[in-house]
Amino acid sequence: MKTARVGLISHIGGHKFAGNVILYIPPDTTTMNGEAHPLAGCGVWYGRVESRHIEGIVQKTILEGKVIEEMFRGGVRQGGEILRI
């Protein structure tokens, strides 16, 4: 992955634990070594995210393709299937 886009949201839903970060990994995304990204085509929602968490989210989810369970609030695969971890 060579680029990323960042947008602003307040939260998803009305609960204090609702997601406040949405990551969308485009379907054609590859890892740094050229392999298919494990989360290609997925949207991942994280909640209770603070600025101190961003570097870890970039490393684990965007670069390594791993969902961070402690922050995970939900997700969807390409085609609308629910993302399960």
Protein backbone atom coordinates (compact mmCIF):
# COMPACT_ATOMS: atom_id res chain seq x y z
CA MET A 1 0.00 0.00 0.00
CA LYS A 2 1.53 3.28 -1.09
CA THR A 3 -1.14 5.83 -0.20
CA ALA A 4 -3.96 6.39 2.24
CA ARG A 5 -6.79 8.88 2.53
CA VAL A 6 -7.97 10.31 5.81
CA GLY A 7 -11.41 11.82 6.40
CA LEU A 8 -13.23 13.11 9.46
CA ILE A 9 -16.16 11.42 11.22
CA SER A 10 -17.61 11.94 14.69
CA HIS A 11 -18.83 8.40 15.42
CA ILE A 12 -20.97 5.59 14.04
CA GLY A 13 -24.12 5.12 16.10
CA GLY A 14 -25.10 6.74 19.36
CA HIS A 15 -23.46 4.64 22.06
CA LYS A 16 -20.31 5.70 23.94
CA PHE A 17 -18.56 2.58 22.61
CA ALA A 18 -19.63 3.23 19.00
CA GLY A 19 -16.98 3.18 16.32
CA ASN A 20 -15.07 6.38 15.62
CA VAL A 21 -12.63 5.10 12.97
CA ILE A 22 -13.52 3.41 9.69
CA LEU A 23 -10.79 1.75 7.67
CA TYR A 24 -11.56 0.74 4.09
CA ILE A 25 -8.99 -1.43 2.34
CA PRO A 26 -9.64 -1.31 -1.44
CA PRO A 27 -10.07 -4.71 -3.17
CA ASP A 28 -6.86 -4.44 -5.21
CA THR A 29 -4.63 -3.65 -2.21
CA THR A 30 -1.46 -5.68 -1.76
CA THR A 31 0.94 -5.98 1.16
CA MET A 32 4.42 -4.46 1.17
CA ASN A 33 5.79 -7.70 -0.35
CA GLY A 34 3.22 -7.74 -3.18
CA GLU A 35 0.86 -10.41 -1.81
CA ALA A 36 -2.91 -9.95 -1.63
CA HIS A 37 -3.82 -7.93 1.47
CA PRO A 38 -5.76 -10.12 3.98
CA LEU A 39 -8.40 -7.39 4.41
CA ALA A 40 -8.65 -6.31 0.76
CA GLY A 41 -12.21 -5.21 0.05
CA CYS A 42 -13.11 -4.90 3.74
CA GLY A 43 -14.35 -2.06 5.88
CA VAL A 44 -13.23 -2.27 9.52
CA TRP A 45 -14.77 -0.17 12.30
CA TYR A 46 -12.83 0.61 15.45
CA GLY A 47 -14.11 2.38 18.55
CA ARG A 48 -12.62 4.24 21.50
CA VAL A 49 -9.66 5.20 19.34
CA GLU A 50 -7.41 7.99 20.56
CA SER A 51 -4.52 9.68 18.80
CA ARG A 52 -2.06 7.49 20.71
CA HIS A 53 -3.51 4.41 18.96
CA ILE A 54 -3.01 5.57 15.36
CA GLU A 55 0.54 4.29 14.79
CA GLY A 56 -0.48 0.81 16.02
CA ILE A 57 -3.60 0.79 13.82
CA VAL A 58 -1.54 1.71 10.76
CA GLN A 59 1.02 -1.00 11.53
CA LYS A 60 -1.35 -3.83 12.48
CA THR A 61 -4.38 -3.28 10.27
CA ILE A 62 -3.22 -1.33 7.25
CA LEU A 63 0.26 -2.80 6.82
CA GLU A 64 -0.13 -6.29 8.36
CA GLY A 65 -3.82 -6.89 7.61
CA LYS A 66 -4.74 -7.84 11.19
CA VAL A 67 -7.85 -6.73 13.08
CA ILE A 68 -7.21 -5.33 16.57
CA GLU A 69 -9.80 -7.15 18.68
CA GLU A 70 -9.83 -4.69 21.60
CA MET A 71 -10.98 -1.85 19.33
CA PHE A 72 -13.07 -3.82 16.83
CA ARG A 73 -16.70 -2.71 16.64
CA GLY A 74 -17.72 -4.39 13.38
CA GLY A 75 -16.87 -4.74 9.76
CA VAL A 76 -18.04 -5.76 6.33
CA ARG A 77 -16.45 -7.70 3.50
CA GLN A 78 -16.84 -6.84 -0.15
CA GLY A 79 -20.35 -7.81 -1.19
CA GLY A 80 -21.88 -7.06 2.21
CA GLU A 81 -20.83 -10.14 4.18
CA ILE A 82 -20.22 -9.42 7.88
CA LEU A 83 -16.54 -9.44 8.84
CA ARG A 84 -15.99 -11.89 11.69
CA ILE A 85 -12.81 -12.20 13.72
